[in-house]
Amino acid sequence: MYRSLSSLSLSLSLFIASVKKLRMKKASYVVLCAVAVVAMLLFEAPLMAKAVTCSPLQLSSCIAAITSSAPPSSTCCTKLREQRPCLCGYLKDPNLRQYVNSPGARKVASTCGVPFPSC
């Protein structure tokens, strides 16, 4: 009887060890998947940032703030941040330069926390 209790104990120990290994494998798999998802998001974020369509009309919500002492709206600041990669192009455009380079536009950019470009 001692042998069968001993072998039962050994079998139980082996079973517990197998379950622990399986749990560790599952945990490792979950961690690996999470790391892969985070890596994909990090690598894709710069690609999404490059997909800006430059359109000065997107900044129409900023006109009141640029031409008066009114503070910029949250929509204006959001659009200005989205259009930030386009600002140098707007500064180089003779039709837009006077508006984009105006003191009012600089004030709006500063208020929105968007660094004014030096192109």
C-alpha atoms as a PDB file:
ATOM      1  CA  MET A   1       0.000   0.000   0.000  1.00  0.00           C
ATOM      2  CA  TYR A   2       2.896   2.311   0.691  1.00  0.00           C
ATOM      3  CA  ARG A   3       4.031   1.959  -2.911  1.00  0.00           C
ATOM      4  CA  SER A   4       0.677   2.883  -4.376  1.00  0.00           C
ATOM      5  CA  LEU A   5       0.350   5.917  -2.088  1.00  0.00           C
ATOM      6  CA  SER A   6       3.855   6.932  -3.050  1.00  0.00           C
ATOM      7  CA  SER A   7       3.163   6.467  -6.742  1.00  0.00           C
ATOM      8  CA  LEU A   8      -0.128   8.347  -6.356  1.00  0.00           C
ATOM      9  CA  SER A   9       1.737  11.209  -4.702  1.00  0.00           C
ATOM     10  CA  LEU A  10       4.338  11.182  -7.476  1.00  0.00           C
ATOM     11  CA  SER A  11       1.629  11.151 -10.164  1.00  0.00           C
ATOM     12  CA  LEU A  12      -0.144  14.004  -8.439  1.00  0.00           C
ATOM     13  CA  SER A  13       3.117  15.969  -8.246  1.00  0.00           C
ATOM     14  CA  LEU A  14       3.777  15.389 -11.941  1.00  0.00           C
ATOM     15  CA  PHE A  15       0.225  16.451 -12.793  1.00  0.00           C
ATOM     16  CA  ILE A  16       0.577  19.664 -10.747  1.00  0.00           C
ATOM     17  CA  ALA A  17       3.918  20.405 -12.398  1.00  0.00           C
ATOM     18  CA  SER A  18       2.352  19.893 -15.845  1.00  0.00           C
ATOM     19  CA  VAL A  19      -0.524  22.234 -14.986  1.00  0.00           C
ATOM     20  CA  LYS A  20       1.938  24.877 -13.748  1.00  0.00           C
ATOM     21  CA  LYS A  21       3.970  24.595 -16.959  1.00  0.00           C
ATOM     22  CA  LEU A  22       0.811  24.893 -19.024  1.00  0.00           C
ATOM     23  CA  ARG A  23      -0.231  27.990 -17.084  1.00  0.00           C
ATOM     24  CA  MET A  24       3.219  29.504 -17.553  1.00  0.00           C
ATOM     25  CA  LYS A  25       3.047  28.778 -21.278  1.00  0.00           C
ATOM     26  CA  LYS A  26      -0.378  30.415 -21.469  1.00  0.00           C
ATOM     27  CA  ALA A  27       0.847  33.421 -19.506  1.00  0.00           C
ATOM     28  CA  SER A  28       3.900  33.693 -21.732  1.00  0.00           C
ATOM     29  CA  TYR A  29       1.694  33.492 -24.803  1.00  0.00           C
ATOM     30  CA  VAL A  30      -0.607  36.214 -23.489  1.00  0.00           C
ATOM     31  CA  VAL A  31       2.355  38.469 -22.688  1.00  0.00           C
ATOM     32  CA  LEU A  32       3.859  37.823 -26.111  1.00  0.00           C
ATOM     33  CA  CYS A  33       0.564  38.716 -27.806  1.00  0.00           C
ATOM     34  CA  ALA A  34       0.243  41.895 -25.746  1.00  0.00           C
ATOM     35  CA  VAL A  35       3.775  42.949 -26.651  1.00  0.00           C
ATOM     36  CA  ALA A  36       3.069  42.285 -30.325  1.00  0.00           C
ATOM     37  CA  VAL A  37      -0.090  44.420 -30.252  1.00  0.00           C
ATOM     38  CA  VAL A  38       1.699  47.299 -28.518  1.00  0.00           C
ATOM     39  CA  ALA A  39       4.568  47.103 -31.010  1.00  0.00           C
ATOM     40  CA  MET A  40       2.149  47.220 -33.944  1.00  0.00           C
ATOM     41  CA  LEU A  41       0.424  50.273 -32.491  1.00  0.00           C
ATOM     42  CA  LEU A  42       3.723  52.043 -31.888  1.00  0.00           C
ATOM     43  CA  PHE A  43       4.995  51.364 -35.382  1.00  0.00           C
ATOM     44  CA  GLU A  44       1.700  52.299 -37.004  1.00  0.00           C
ATOM     45  CA  ALA A  45       1.290  55.622 -35.126  1.00  0.00           C
ATOM     46  CA  PRO A  46       3.989  57.414 -37.169  1.00  0.00           C
ATOM     47  CA  LEU A  47       2.454  56.092 -40.381  1.00  0.00           C
ATOM     48  CA  MET A  48      -0.926  57.520 -39.421  1.00  0.00           C
ATOM     49  CA  ALA A  49       0.653  60.855 -38.572  1.00  0.00           C
ATOM     50  CA  LYS A  50       2.056  61.127 -42.106  1.00  0.00           C
ATOM     51  CA  ALA A  51      -1.373  60.690 -43.676  1.00  0.00           C
ATOM     52  CA  VAL A  52      -2.395  64.338 -43.145  1.00  0.00           C
ATOM     53  CA  THR A  53      -4.248  65.997 -45.978  1.00  0.00           C
ATOM     54  CA  CYS A  54      -2.990  69.567 -46.148  1.00  0.00           C
ATOM     55  CA  SER A  55      -5.954  71.855 -46.516  1.00  0.00           C
ATOM     56  CA  PRO A  56      -5.893  75.421 -45.209  1.00  0.00           C
ATOM     57  CA  LEU A  57      -9.692  75.283 -45.094  1.00  0.00           C
ATOM     58  CA  GLN A  58      -9.297  72.901 -42.160  1.00  0.00           C
ATOM     59  CA  LEU A  59      -8.135  75.945 -40.167  1.00  0.00           C
ATOM     60  CA  SER A  60     -11.280  77.978 -40.809  1.00  0.00           C
ATOM     61  CA  SER A  61     -12.297  77.508 -37.173  1.00  0.00           C
ATOM     62  CA  CYS A  62      -9.236  79.615 -36.251  1.00  0.00           C
ATOM     63  CA  ILE A  63     -10.133  82.712 -38.318  1.00  0.00           C
ATOM     64  CA  ALA A  64     -11.907  84.528 -35.475  1.00  0.00           C
ATOM     65  CA  ALA A  65      -8.988  83.931 -33.103  1.00  0.00           C
ATOM     66  CA  ILE A  66      -6.414  85.003 -35.718  1.00  0.00           C
ATOM     67  CA  THR A  67      -8.198  88.188 -36.726  1.00  0.00           C
ATOM     68  CA  SER A  68      -9.415  89.332 -33.294  1.00  0.00           C
ATOM     69  CA  SER A  69      -8.527  89.020 -29.644  1.00  0.00           C
ATOM     70  CA  ALA A  70     -10.883  86.044 -29.215  1.00  0.00           C
ATOM     71  CA  PRO A  71      -9.222  82.929 -27.781  1.00  0.00           C
ATOM     72  CA  PRO A  72      -8.920  79.923 -30.086  1.00  0.00           C
ATOM     73  CA  SER A  73     -11.586  77.242 -29.717  1.00  0.00           C
ATOM     74  CA  SER A  74     -10.735  73.659 -28.896  1.00  0.00           C
ATOM     75  CA  THR A  75     -11.703  72.777 -32.482  1.00  0.00           C
ATOM     76  CA  CYS A  76      -9.238  75.357 -33.765  1.00  0.00           C
ATOM     77  CA  CYS A  77      -6.427  73.931 -31.618  1.00  0.00           C
ATOM     78  CA  THR A  78      -7.234  70.367 -32.657  1.00  0.00           C
ATOM     79  CA  LYS A  79      -7.217  71.299 -36.342  1.00  0.00           C
ATOM     80  CA  LEU A  80      -4.020  73.308 -35.915  1.00  0.00           C
ATOM     81  CA  ARG A  81      -2.301  70.280 -34.335  1.00  0.00           C
ATOM     82  CA  GLU A  82      -3.553  68.072 -37.181  1.00  0.00           C
ATOM     83  CA  GLN A  83      -2.311  70.535 -39.804  1.00  0.00           C
ATOM     84  CA  ARG A  84       1.059  71.111 -38.109  1.00  0.00           C
ATOM     85  CA  PRO A  85       2.997  69.089 -40.729  1.00  0.00           C
ATOM     86  CA  CYS A  86       1.509  71.414 -43.378  1.00  0.00           C
ATOM     87  CA  LEU A  87       2.440  74.763 -41.814  1.00  0.00           C
ATOM     88  CA  CYS A  88       5.753  75.142 -43.673  1.00  0.00           C
ATOM     89  CA  GLY A  89       3.949  74.588 -46.960  1.00  0.00           C
ATOM     90  CA  TYR A  90       1.421  77.262 -46.003  1.00  0.00           C
ATOM     91  CA  LEU A  91       4.247  79.667 -45.111  1.00  0.00           C
ATOM     92  CA  LYS A  92       5.835  79.100 -48.525  1.00  0.00           C
ATOM     93  CA  ASP A  93       2.561  79.755 -50.353  1.00  0.00           C
ATOM     94  CA  PRO A  94       2.433  83.486 -51.276  1.00  0.00           C
ATOM     95  CA  ASN A  95      -1.356  83.466 -50.989  1.00  0.00           C
ATOM     96  CA  LEU A  96      -1.320  82.111 -47.438  1.00  0.00           C
ATOM     97  CA  ARG A  97       1.946  83.468 -46.018  1.00  0.00           C
ATOM     98  CA  GLN A  98       0.486  86.776 -44.796  1.00  0.00           C
ATOM     99  CA  TYR A  99      -2.164  84.964 -42.736  1.00  0.00           C
ATOM    100  CA  VAL A 100      -0.053  82.117 -41.393  1.00  0.00           C
ATOM    101  CA  ASN A 101       2.843  84.423 -40.490  1.00  0.00           C
ATOM    102  CA  SER A 102       0.648  87.105 -38.859  1.00  0.00           C
ATOM    103  CA  PRO A 103       0.962  88.025 -35.171  1.00  0.00           C
ATOM    104  CA  GLY A 104      -2.575  86.690 -34.630  1.00  0.00           C
ATOM    105  CA  ALA A 105      -1.655  83.291 -36.096  1.00  0.00           C
ATOM    106  CA  ARG A 106       1.489  83.148 -33.949  1.00  0.00           C
ATOM    107  CA  LYS A 107      -0.612  83.965 -30.877  1.00  0.00           C
ATOM    108  CA  VAL A 108      -3.109  81.212 -31.718  1.00  0.00           C
ATOM    109  CA  ALA A 109      -0.311  78.686 -32.267  1.00  0.00           C
ATOM    110  CA  SER A 110       1.264  79.640 -28.941  1.00  0.00           C
ATOM    111  CA  THR A 111      -2.068  79.429 -27.099  1.00  0.00           C
ATOM    112  CA  CYS A 112      -2.764  76.005 -28.624  1.00  0.00           C
ATOM    113  CA  GLY A 113       0.714  74.763 -27.693  1.00  0.00           C
ATOM    114  CA  VAL A 114       1.745  74.282 -31.314  1.00  0.00           C
ATOM    115  CA  PRO A 115       5.337  75.375 -31.939  1.00  0.00           C
ATOM    116  CA  PHE A 116       5.581  77.866 -34.764  1.00  0.00           C
ATOM    117  CA  PRO A 117       7.653  76.294 -37.546  1.00  0.00           C
ATOM    118  CA  SER A 118      10.988  77.622 -38.636  1.00  0.00           C
ATOM    119  CA  CYS A 119      11.185  76.537 -42.252  1.00  0.00           C
END
